[in-house]
Amino acid sequence: MRDRALLVFLYNAGARVQEAADLRASDVFSDPTPRVHLHEKGDKWRVCPLWAEAALLKRLLSEQRGDVPDRPVFIGAKDTALTRFGIYKIIRRYTTQVVKKGSDGRSRAVSPHVWRHSTAVHLLEAGVEVNVIRAWLGHASLETTNRYTEITLRTKQAALEKCTVLGAADERIPRRPVWQTDSAC
């Protein structure tokens, strides 16, 4: 359950791996709306809404011993907070069958940062405004967000379909522009 909650959380929040490692029980809220407070780089905080499925975090916390607010949400075998490397190992365990190609064409391992990148791209594809994605990911600059929100083939195909005029291939382009042949003038 811990691993599933971690994977859902990373994707839902677009969290950095360190933000997941630092997440404490007191940072998870379920009422009135499910949300999580993330401690970002630069000693800043941001709030991310959570899906209903991310309620696994509360269930995970309730099954862990004690009701200590400062308790880490994601704990390892020794009852201590998972480290960045521990989270990376969990991601690798579940993604060994996934092949990701780098820009050089070579296979690369799926990392927690790929989860964050996927969140940004999927939000963009869903029509979420880039400035909202910037705030969601906790970027200070839109320029940083633009690196994540690459235009995918699906997005390009949807844009192409919006520009396609049905039956336009059957019509002939007139030799003279219509405005020059308008007899009403």
C-alpha atoms as a PDB file:
ATOM      1  CA  MET A   1       0.000   0.000   0.000  1.00  0.00           C
ATOM      2  CA  ARG A   2       2.900   2.369   0.772  1.00  0.00           C
ATOM      3  CA  ASP A   3       4.330   1.988  -2.725  1.00  0.00           C
ATOM      4  CA  ARG A   4       0.969   2.554  -4.419  1.00  0.00           C
ATOM      5  CA  ALA A   5       0.304   5.621  -2.259  1.00  0.00           C
ATOM      6  CA  LEU A   6       3.772   6.945  -3.126  1.00  0.00           C
ATOM      7  CA  LEU A   7       3.336   6.482  -6.877  1.00  0.00           C
ATOM      8  CA  VAL A   8      -0.149   8.028  -6.882  1.00  0.00           C
ATOM      9  CA  PHE A   9       1.082  10.922  -4.735  1.00  0.00           C
ATOM     10  CA  LEU A  10       4.111  11.654  -6.951  1.00  0.00           C
ATOM     11  CA  TYR A  11       1.939  11.777 -10.054  1.00  0.00           C
ATOM     12  CA  ASN A  12      -0.993  13.634  -8.474  1.00  0.00           C
ATOM     13  CA  ALA A  13       1.127  16.364  -6.873  1.00  0.00           C
ATOM     14  CA  GLY A  14       3.917  16.463  -9.436  1.00  0.00           C
ATOM     15  CA  ALA A  15       6.124  16.428  -6.375  1.00  0.00           C
ATOM     16  CA  ARG A  16       9.893  16.529  -6.358  1.00  0.00           C
ATOM     17  CA  VAL A  17      11.430  13.406  -4.847  1.00  0.00           C
ATOM     18  CA  GLN A  18      12.749  15.418  -1.877  1.00  0.00           C
ATOM     19  CA  GLU A  19       9.255  16.817  -1.244  1.00  0.00           C
ATOM     20  CA  ALA A  20       7.946  13.245  -1.012  1.00  0.00           C
ATOM     21  CA  ALA A  21      10.776  12.219   1.312  1.00  0.00           C
ATOM     22  CA  ASP A  22      10.088  15.239   3.563  1.00  0.00           C
ATOM     23  CA  LEU A  23       6.277  14.784   3.637  1.00  0.00           C
ATOM     24  CA  ARG A  24       4.920  14.530   7.188  1.00  0.00           C
ATOM     25  CA  ALA A  25       1.539  13.452   8.548  1.00  0.00           C
ATOM     26  CA  SER A  26       0.751  17.051   9.510  1.00  0.00           C
ATOM     27  CA  ASP A  27       1.108  18.076   5.823  1.00  0.00           C
ATOM     28  CA  VAL A  28      -1.788  15.859   4.657  1.00  0.00           C
ATOM     29  CA  PHE A  29      -5.333  17.229   4.927  1.00  0.00           C
ATOM     30  CA  SER A  30      -8.596  15.535   3.973  1.00  0.00           C
ATOM     31  CA  ASP A  31     -11.276  18.007   5.103  1.00  0.00           C
ATOM     32  CA  PRO A  32     -12.929  19.932   3.549  1.00  0.00           C
ATOM     33  CA  THR A  33     -10.965  19.141   0.381  1.00  0.00           C
ATOM     34  CA  PRO A  34      -8.127  16.619   0.135  1.00  0.00           C
ATOM     35  CA  ARG A  35      -4.836  18.457  -0.210  1.00  0.00           C
ATOM     36  CA  VAL A  36      -1.206  18.300   0.754  1.00  0.00           C
ATOM     37  CA  HIS A  37       1.211  21.028   1.813  1.00  0.00           C
ATOM     38  CA  LEU A  38       4.627  20.549   0.229  1.00  0.00           C
ATOM     39  CA  HIS A  39       7.846  22.045   1.545  1.00  0.00           C
ATOM     40  CA  GLU A  40       9.639  23.254  -1.576  1.00  0.00           C
ATOM     41  CA  LYS A  41      13.127  24.345  -2.450  1.00  0.00           C
ATOM     42  CA  GLY A  42      14.026  27.753  -1.058  1.00  0.00           C
ATOM     43  CA  ASP A  43      12.065  27.134   2.167  1.00  0.00           C
ATOM     44  CA  LYS A  44       8.745  27.861   0.417  1.00  0.00           C
ATOM     45  CA  TRP A  45       5.443  25.995   0.740  1.00  0.00           C
ATOM     46  CA  ARG A  46       2.796  25.134  -1.837  1.00  0.00           C
ATOM     47  CA  VAL A  47      -0.580  23.436  -1.629  1.00  0.00           C
ATOM     48  CA  CYS A  48      -1.639  20.725  -4.080  1.00  0.00           C
ATOM     49  CA  PRO A  49      -5.120  19.245  -4.341  1.00  0.00           C
ATOM     50  CA  LEU A  50      -5.394  15.476  -4.109  1.00  0.00           C
ATOM     51  CA  TRP A  51      -7.537  13.026  -6.060  1.00  0.00           C
ATOM     52  CA  ALA A  52      -9.884  10.778  -4.150  1.00  0.00           C
ATOM     53  CA  GLU A  53      -7.440   7.914  -4.833  1.00  0.00           C
ATOM     54  CA  ALA A  54      -4.718   9.881  -3.076  1.00  0.00           C
ATOM     55  CA  ALA A  55      -6.754   9.353   0.094  1.00  0.00           C
ATOM     56  CA  LEU A  56      -4.491   6.321   0.325  1.00  0.00           C
ATOM     57  CA  LEU A  57      -2.165   8.696   2.167  1.00  0.00           C
ATOM     58  CA  LYS A  58      -4.612   9.011   5.068  1.00  0.00           C
ATOM     59  CA  ARG A  59      -5.184   5.256   5.107  1.00  0.00           C
ATOM     60  CA  LEU A  60      -1.441   4.686   5.072  1.00  0.00           C
ATOM     61  CA  LEU A  61      -1.005   7.064   7.993  1.00  0.00           C
ATOM     62  CA  SER A  62      -3.794   5.435   9.980  1.00  0.00           C
ATOM     63  CA  GLU A  63      -2.155   2.015   9.605  1.00  0.00           C
ATOM     64  CA  GLN A  64       1.222   3.292  10.765  1.00  0.00           C
ATOM     65  CA  ARG A  65       1.921   3.253  14.482  1.00  0.00           C
ATOM     66  CA  GLY A  66       1.119   6.332  16.478  1.00  0.00           C
ATOM     67  CA  ASP A  67      -0.623   9.594  15.758  1.00  0.00           C
ATOM     68  CA  VAL A  68       2.490  11.770  15.669  1.00  0.00           C
ATOM     69  CA  PRO A  69       2.057  14.868  13.441  1.00  0.00           C
ATOM     70  CA  ASP A  70       5.753  15.028  12.577  1.00  0.00           C
ATOM     71  CA  ARG A  71       5.824  11.368  11.498  1.00  0.00           C
ATOM     72  CA  PRO A  72       7.051  10.776   7.915  1.00  0.00           C
ATOM     73  CA  VAL A  73       4.298   9.618   5.548  1.00  0.00           C
ATOM     74  CA  PHE A  74       6.560   7.308   3.554  1.00  0.00           C
ATOM     75  CA  ILE A  75       8.621   5.142   5.878  1.00  0.00           C
ATOM     76  CA  GLY A  76      11.087   2.374   5.164  1.00  0.00           C
ATOM     77  CA  ALA A  77      11.796  -0.932   6.828  1.00  0.00           C
ATOM     78  CA  LYS A  78      13.590   0.668   9.781  1.00  0.00           C
ATOM     79  CA  ASP A  79      10.594   2.887  10.570  1.00  0.00           C
ATOM     80  CA  THR A  80      12.415   5.987   9.298  1.00  0.00           C
ATOM     81  CA  ALA A  81      11.593   8.301   6.406  1.00  0.00           C
ATOM     82  CA  LEU A  82      12.354   6.987   2.951  1.00  0.00           C
ATOM     83  CA  THR A  83      15.322   8.724   1.408  1.00  0.00           C
ATOM     84  CA  ARG A  84      15.515  10.069  -2.133  1.00  0.00           C
ATOM     85  CA  PHE A  85      17.445   6.937  -3.090  1.00  0.00           C
ATOM     86  CA  GLY A  86      14.817   4.695  -1.450  1.00  0.00           C
ATOM     87  CA  ILE A  87      12.073   6.383  -3.469  1.00  0.00           C
ATOM     88  CA  TYR A  88      14.153   6.012  -6.629  1.00  0.00           C
ATOM     89  CA  LYS A  89      14.513   2.262  -5.940  1.00  0.00           C
ATOM     90  CA  ILE A  90      10.738   1.895  -5.544  1.00  0.00           C
ATOM     91  CA  ILE A  91      10.151   3.657  -8.870  1.00  0.00           C
ATOM     92  CA  ARG A  92      12.731   1.410 -10.568  1.00  0.00           C
ATOM     93  CA  ARG A  93      11.109  -1.714  -9.086  1.00  0.00           C
ATOM     94  CA  TYR A  94       7.780  -0.914 -10.733  1.00  0.00           C
ATOM     95  CA  THR A  95       9.109   0.452 -14.020  1.00  0.00           C
ATOM     96  CA  THR A  96      11.729  -2.082 -15.096  1.00  0.00           C
ATOM     97  CA  GLN A  97       9.491  -3.084 -18.032  1.00  0.00           C
ATOM     98  CA  VAL A  98       9.130   0.527 -19.189  1.00  0.00           C
ATOM     99  CA  VAL A  99      11.629   1.659 -21.794  1.00  0.00           C
ATOM    100  CA  LYS A 100      12.297   5.368 -21.949  1.00  0.00           C
ATOM    101  CA  LYS A 101      14.453   6.735 -24.744  1.00  0.00           C
ATOM    102  CA  GLY A 102      16.685   9.722 -24.119  1.00  0.00           C
ATOM    103  CA  SER A 103      17.281  12.437 -26.700  1.00  0.00           C
ATOM    104  CA  ASP A 104      20.337  10.474 -27.824  1.00  0.00           C
ATOM    105  CA  GLY A 105      18.170   7.388 -28.524  1.00  0.00           C
ATOM    106  CA  ARG A 106      19.643   5.317 -25.692  1.00  0.00           C
ATOM    107  CA  SER A 107      17.463   3.594 -23.099  1.00  0.00           C
ATOM    108  CA  ARG A 108      17.186   5.395 -19.778  1.00  0.00           C
ATOM    109  CA  ALA A 109      15.788   4.407 -16.418  1.00  0.00           C
ATOM    110  CA  VAL A 110      12.484   5.879 -15.276  1.00  0.00           C
ATOM    111  CA  SER A 111      13.130   8.196 -12.341  1.00  0.00           C
ATOM    112  CA  PRO A 112      10.890  10.075  -9.906  1.00  0.00           C
ATOM    113  CA  HIS A 113      11.532  13.162 -12.027  1.00  0.00           C
ATOM    114  CA  VAL A 114       9.888  11.411 -15.012  1.00  0.00           C
ATOM    115  CA  TRP A 115       6.760  11.155 -12.837  1.00  0.00           C
ATOM    116  CA  ARG A 116       6.875  14.929 -12.317  1.00  0.00           C
ATOM    117  CA  HIS A 117       7.429  15.536 -16.031  1.00  0.00           C
ATOM    118  CA  SER A 118       4.477  13.264 -16.881  1.00  0.00           C
ATOM    119  CA  THR A 119       2.245  15.245 -14.539  1.00  0.00           C
ATOM    120  CA  ALA A 120       3.146  18.483 -16.331  1.00  0.00           C
ATOM    121  CA  VAL A 121       2.590  17.039 -19.812  1.00  0.00           C
ATOM    122  CA  HIS A 122      -0.721  15.392 -18.898  1.00  0.00           C
ATOM    123  CA  LEU A 123      -2.000  18.597 -17.293  1.00  0.00           C
ATOM    124  CA  LEU A 124      -1.084  20.466 -20.477  1.00  0.00           C
ATOM    125  CA  GLU A 125      -2.822  17.871 -22.655  1.00  0.00           C
ATOM    126  CA  ALA A 126      -5.923  18.166 -20.466  1.00  0.00           C
ATOM    127  CA  GLY A 127      -6.064  21.864 -21.334  1.00  0.00           C
ATOM    128  CA  VAL A 128      -4.786  23.235 -18.030  1.00  0.00           C
ATOM    129  CA  GLU A 129      -3.239  26.681 -18.440  1.00  0.00           C
ATOM    130  CA  VAL A 130       0.563  26.809 -18.228  1.00  0.00           C
ATOM    131  CA  ASN A 131       0.494  29.313 -15.363  1.00  0.00           C
ATOM    132  CA  VAL A 132      -1.626  26.890 -13.307  1.00  0.00           C
ATOM    133  CA  ILE A 133       0.868  24.112 -14.086  1.00  0.00           C
ATOM    134  CA  ARG A 134       3.670  26.464 -12.967  1.00  0.00           C
ATOM    135  CA  ALA A 135       1.967  26.931  -9.597  1.00  0.00           C
ATOM    136  CA  TRP A 136       1.105  23.210  -9.371  1.00  0.00           C
ATOM    137  CA  LEU A 137       4.770  22.252  -9.781  1.00  0.00           C
ATOM    138  CA  GLY A 138       6.049  25.095  -7.616  1.00  0.00           C
ATOM    139  CA  HIS A 139       8.110  26.874 -10.258  1.00  0.00           C
ATOM    140  CA  ALA A 140       9.047  30.500  -9.771  1.00  0.00           C
ATOM    141  CA  SER A 141       9.305  31.065 -13.519  1.00  0.00           C
ATOM    142  CA  LEU A 142       7.154  30.078 -16.491  1.00  0.00           C
ATOM    143  CA  GLU A 143      10.395  29.471 -18.374  1.00  0.00           C
ATOM    144  CA  THR A 144      11.136  26.520 -16.101  1.00  0.00           C
ATOM    145  CA  THR A 145       7.640  25.113 -16.592  1.00  0.00           C
ATOM    146  CA  ASN A 146       7.932  25.388 -20.362  1.00  0.00           C
ATOM    147  CA  ARG A 147      10.743  22.833 -20.258  1.00  0.00           C
ATOM    148  CA  TYR A 148       8.336  20.284 -18.782  1.00  0.00           C
ATOM    149  CA  THR A 149       5.352  21.075 -20.941  1.00  0.00           C
ATOM    150  CA  GLU A 150       6.763  19.866 -24.207  1.00  0.00           C
ATOM    151  CA  ILE A 151       4.325  19.600 -27.046  1.00  0.00           C
ATOM    152  CA  THR A 152       3.527  15.954 -27.647  1.00  0.00           C
ATOM    153  CA  LEU A 153       2.464  14.243 -30.863  1.00  0.00           C
ATOM    154  CA  ARG A 154      -1.059  13.934 -29.451  1.00  0.00           C
ATOM    155  CA  THR A 155      -1.214  17.690 -28.910  1.00  0.00           C
ATOM    156  CA  LYS A 156       0.070  18.350 -32.420  1.00  0.00           C
ATOM    157  CA  GLN A 157      -2.512  15.940 -33.885  1.00  0.00           C
ATOM    158  CA  ALA A 158      -5.339  17.660 -32.008  1.00  0.00           C
ATOM    159  CA  ALA A 159      -4.152  21.051 -33.302  1.00  0.00           C
ATOM    160  CA  LEU A 160      -4.012  19.696 -36.835  1.00  0.00           C
ATOM    161  CA  GLU A 161      -7.575  18.373 -36.572  1.00  0.00           C
ATOM    162  CA  LYS A 162      -8.788  21.794 -35.421  1.00  0.00           C
ATOM    163  CA  CYS A 163      -7.244  23.367 -38.536  1.00  0.00           C
ATOM    164  CA  THR A 164      -8.562  20.826 -41.039  1.00  0.00           C
ATOM    165  CA  VAL A 165     -11.439  22.059 -43.180  1.00  0.00           C
ATOM    166  CA  LEU A 166     -13.759  19.227 -44.158  1.00  0.00           C
ATOM    167  CA  GLY A 167     -14.091  18.810 -47.919  1.00  0.00           C
ATOM    168  CA  ALA A 168     -11.457  21.484 -48.592  1.00  0.00           C
ATOM    169  CA  ALA A 169      -9.457  19.116 -50.774  1.00  0.00           C
ATOM    170  CA  ASP A 170     -12.396  18.830 -53.176  1.00  0.00           C
ATOM    171  CA  GLU A 171     -12.788  22.562 -53.671  1.00  0.00           C
ATOM    172  CA  ARG A 172     -10.749  24.333 -56.303  1.00  0.00           C
ATOM    173  CA  ILE A 173      -9.019  27.563 -55.480  1.00  0.00           C
ATOM    174  CA  PRO A 174     -10.544  30.274 -57.718  1.00  0.00           C
ATOM    175  CA  ARG A 175      -8.165  31.956 -60.153  1.00  0.00           C
ATOM    176  CA  ARG A 176      -9.311  35.388 -59.094  1.00  0.00           C
ATOM    177  CA  PRO A 177      -9.901  36.205 -55.410  1.00  0.00           C
ATOM    178  CA  VAL A 178     -13.588  36.297 -54.498  1.00  0.00           C
ATOM    179  CA  TRP A 179     -13.417  39.977 -53.519  1.00  0.00           C
ATOM    180  CA  GLN A 180     -12.338  40.888 -57.056  1.00  0.00           C
ATOM    181  CA  THR A 181     -15.295  39.120 -58.660  1.00  0.00           C
ATOM    182  CA  ASP A 182     -17.971  40.420 -56.301  1.00  0.00           C
ATOM    183  CA  SER A 183     -20.712  41.868 -58.520  1.00  0.00           C
ATOM    184  CA  ALA A 184     -22.482  43.587 -55.593  1.00  0.00           C
ATOM    185  CA  CYS A 185     -19.897  46.377 -55.499  1.00  0.00           C
END
